[in-house]
Amino acid sequence: MAELPKDIRDELKRRLWKAADDLGWLSLSDVSKSDHYDNWAKDPQIGGKLERFLGQREVRHYIKDGLLKIYCRERRGAELEPICRLAGVKGAISPVERFERPHGCVLEDGRVVCWGAAAQWKIVVMAIHERCFGDDDRKLFAVVFTQAAAHFGDRAPRLVAEDAAHKLGVTHIKWRDT
């Protein structure tokens, strides 16, 4: 397998990220995303270019994990301000520390905010707990569960996550459908 040239990688990244933006990628279902991976892998301008450097079996995997996973991580991380506003943060938002997996931040006053997909609520709740544990200057402020429409659209499924977060001391719990 030959190494993918940087110019081709950059071109495909630009093309796929624009397509993902246009499609509203972060709110698409897994089935819909899978269909797009398959179509892009078969597209001569995307999969065809990759196939010259990767084995045919590796093309779809590269599109998914080599290009679109990074897209999702960057786009979710860029949501800092809207997430903090939804969580109830007023005034300037100047994080002193930022986190990935799941996303989060420590604000100047020590409040900690974490966010991630509702389906991963346990990870988000434990992350905010771990990020504050043993540090008296940090406050468990808010968790925001995104992509909640599919399985957490009703009140009942949300109760377990909310109860767990409250028991750990999180003061603000928000749900966002997208």
Protein backbone atom coordinates (compact mmCIF):
# COMPACT_ATOMS: atom_id res chain seq x y z
CA MET A 1 0.00 0.00 0.00
CA ALA A 2 1.43 3.38 -1.04
CA GLU A 3 1.17 6.45 1.15
CA LEU A 4 -1.59 8.90 0.29
CA PRO A 5 -0.13 12.17 -1.05
CA LYS A 6 -0.94 15.23 1.04
CA ASP A 7 -2.51 17.16 -1.86
CA ILE A 8 -4.97 14.34 -2.56
CA ARG A 9 -5.78 13.94 1.12
CA ASP A 10 -6.37 17.69 1.46
CA GLU A 11 -8.56 17.80 -1.66
CA LEU A 12 -10.69 14.87 -0.48
CA LYS A 13 -10.92 16.34 3.00
CA ARG A 14 -12.20 19.66 1.61
CA ARG A 15 -14.68 17.92 -0.68
CA LEU A 16 -16.05 15.54 1.95
CA TRP A 17 -16.20 18.14 4.73
CA LYS A 18 -18.16 20.50 2.48
CA ALA A 19 -20.52 17.66 1.57
CA ALA A 20 -20.88 16.78 5.26
CA ASP A 21 -21.68 20.42 6.10
CA ASP A 22 -24.26 20.54 3.30
CA LEU A 23 -25.86 17.29 4.49
CA GLY A 24 -26.06 18.31 8.15
CA TRP A 25 -23.79 15.36 8.95
CA LEU A 26 -23.91 15.64 12.72
CA SER A 27 -27.66 15.09 12.74
CA LEU A 28 -27.79 12.22 10.21
CA SER A 29 -28.65 8.70 11.33
CA ASP A 30 -25.99 6.00 11.27
CA VAL A 31 -27.83 4.29 8.39
CA SER A 32 -27.81 7.46 6.33
CA LYS A 33 -24.12 8.03 7.06
CA SER A 34 -23.35 4.47 6.04
CA ASP A 35 -25.10 5.01 2.70
CA HIS A 36 -22.99 8.10 2.08
CA TYR A 37 -19.77 6.23 2.95
CA ASP A 38 -20.71 3.55 0.42
CA ASN A 39 -21.56 6.11 -2.28
CA TRP A 40 -18.35 8.06 -1.73
CA ALA A 41 -16.29 4.86 -1.81
CA LYS A 42 -17.83 4.03 -5.23
CA ASP A 43 -17.42 7.59 -6.58
CA PRO A 44 -14.50 7.70 -9.05
CA GLN A 45 -13.55 11.20 -7.82
CA ILE A 46 -13.31 10.05 -4.19
CA GLY A 47 -13.04 6.29 -3.83
CA GLY A 48 -11.35 6.01 -7.21
CA LYS A 49 -8.57 8.37 -6.13
CA LEU A 50 -8.13 6.58 -2.81
CA GLU A 51 -8.07 3.15 -4.43
CA ARG A 52 -4.86 4.04 -6.23
CA PHE A 53 -3.13 4.22 -2.85
CA LEU A 54 -5.26 2.01 -0.60
CA GLY A 55 -6.69 -1.43 -1.10
CA GLN A 56 -10.32 -1.50 -2.25
CA ARG A 57 -11.43 -2.77 1.18
CA GLU A 58 -9.67 0.10 2.94
CA VAL A 59 -11.30 2.96 0.99
CA ARG A 60 -14.59 3.09 2.90
CA HIS A 61 -12.77 2.68 6.21
CA TYR A 62 -10.41 5.54 5.34
CA ILE A 63 -13.30 7.83 4.41
CA LYS A 64 -15.10 7.00 7.65
CA ASP A 65 -12.22 6.93 10.15
CA GLY A 66 -9.53 8.90 8.36
CA LEU A 67 -11.59 11.87 7.22
CA LEU A 68 -15.11 12.02 8.67
CA LYS A 69 -14.27 11.06 12.25
CA ILE A 70 -11.93 14.05 12.43
CA TYR A 71 -14.68 16.19 10.87
CA CYS A 72 -17.12 15.20 13.62
CA ARG A 73 -14.61 15.82 16.38
CA GLU A 74 -13.72 19.26 15.05
CA ARG A 75 -17.31 20.32 14.44
CA ARG A 76 -18.44 19.18 17.90
CA GLY A 77 -15.50 20.95 19.51
CA ALA A 78 -16.36 24.14 17.64
CA GLU A 79 -19.74 24.17 19.38
CA LEU A 80 -18.26 25.58 22.58
CA GLU A 81 -20.15 28.88 22.58
CA PRO A 82 -23.63 27.57 21.62
CA ILE A 83 -23.28 24.68 24.07
CA CYS A 84 -22.24 27.00 26.90
CA ARG A 85 -25.11 29.37 26.12
CA LEU A 86 -27.57 26.47 26.18
CA ALA A 87 -26.09 25.41 29.52
CA GLY A 88 -26.80 28.85 30.93
CA VAL A 89 -23.40 30.53 30.78
CA LYS A 90 -23.81 34.30 30.58
CA GLY A 91 -21.23 36.84 29.43
CA ALA A 92 -17.89 36.13 27.81
CA ILE A 93 -16.91 32.51 27.33
CA SER A 94 -13.17 32.15 27.83
CA PRO A 95 -12.20 28.58 28.63
CA VAL A 96 -8.96 28.04 30.50
CA GLU A 97 -8.90 24.39 29.47
CA ARG A 98 -10.65 22.37 26.74
CA PHE A 99 -11.28 18.67 26.45
CA GLU A 100 -12.10 16.09 23.79
CA ARG A 101 -13.72 12.69 24.16
CA PRO A 102 -16.10 13.86 25.33
CA HIS A 103 -15.91 17.55 24.63
CA GLY A 104 -15.81 19.97 27.50
CA CYS A 105 -14.16 22.95 29.04
CA VAL A 106 -13.23 24.65 32.29
CA LEU A 107 -14.39 28.25 32.41
CA GLU A 108 -12.39 31.03 34.09
CA ASP A 109 -14.50 30.80 37.24
CA GLY A 110 -13.90 27.03 37.57
CA ARG A 111 -17.24 25.85 36.19
CA VAL A 112 -16.91 22.73 34.09
CA VAL A 113 -19.14 22.01 31.10
CA CYS A 114 -19.15 18.69 29.21
CA TRP A 115 -21.13 17.66 26.16
CA GLY A 116 -21.62 14.67 23.95
CA ALA A 117 -24.15 12.44 22.25
CA ALA A 118 -27.14 11.50 24.39
CA ALA A 119 -26.51 7.83 23.60
CA GLN A 120 -23.17 8.27 25.40
CA TRP A 121 -24.66 9.99 28.47
CA LYS A 122 -22.79 7.78 30.97
CA ILE A 123 -19.45 8.79 29.48
CA VAL A 124 -20.39 12.49 29.54
CA VAL A 125 -21.58 12.34 33.15
CA MET A 126 -18.52 10.44 34.34
CA ALA A 127 -16.21 12.77 32.41
CA ILE A 128 -17.50 15.86 34.20
CA HIS A 129 -17.16 14.03 37.51
CA GLU A 130 -13.57 12.99 36.76
CA ARG A 131 -12.62 16.46 35.52
CA CYS A 132 -13.73 17.98 38.83
CA PHE A 133 -12.73 15.20 41.22
CA GLY A 134 -10.20 16.27 43.82
CA ASP A 135 -10.03 19.87 42.58
CA ASP A 136 -11.87 22.24 44.92
CA ASP A 137 -11.54 25.05 42.38
CA ARG A 138 -13.67 23.22 39.82
CA LYS A 139 -17.47 23.07 39.91
CA LEU A 140 -19.66 20.45 38.22
CA PHE A 141 -21.72 22.98 36.31
CA ALA A 142 -23.36 21.53 33.20
CA VAL A 143 -23.74 18.58 30.90
CA VAL A 144 -25.36 18.92 27.50
CA PHE A 145 -26.57 15.81 25.74
CA THR A 146 -26.68 16.31 21.97
CA GLN A 147 -28.34 14.21 19.26
CA ALA A 148 -31.13 13.44 21.70
CA ALA A 149 -34.05 13.28 19.27
CA ALA A 150 -33.73 9.62 18.27
CA HIS A 151 -33.73 7.73 21.57
CA PHE A 152 -34.14 10.48 24.14
CA GLY A 153 -36.92 12.54 22.58
CA ASP A 154 -39.37 11.68 25.36
CA ARG A 155 -39.04 12.59 29.01
CA ALA A 156 -38.90 9.02 30.41
CA PRO A 157 -35.56 7.93 28.86
CA ARG A 158 -33.93 11.15 30.06
CA LEU A 159 -34.76 10.61 33.72
CA VAL A 160 -32.01 8.07 34.42
CA ALA A 161 -29.28 10.30 32.95
CA GLU A 162 -30.61 13.37 34.76
CA ASP A 163 -30.85 11.55 38.07
CA ALA A 164 -27.26 10.25 37.79
CA ALA A 165 -25.94 13.72 36.90
CA HIS A 166 -27.84 15.33 39.80
CA LYS A 167 -26.54 12.72 42.26
CA LEU A 168 -22.98 13.59 41.24
CA GLY A 169 -23.70 17.28 41.77
CA VAL A 170 -24.20 18.61 38.22
CA THR A 171 -26.40 21.69 38.48
CA HIS A 172 -27.44 22.17 34.82
CA ILE A 173 -28.56 19.38 32.51
CA LYS A 174 -29.67 20.21 28.99
CA TRP A 175 -30.83 18.22 26.01
CA ARG A 176 -30.42 19.19 22.38
CA ASP A 177 -32.05 17.27 19.54
CA THR A 178 -29.22 17.84 17.07
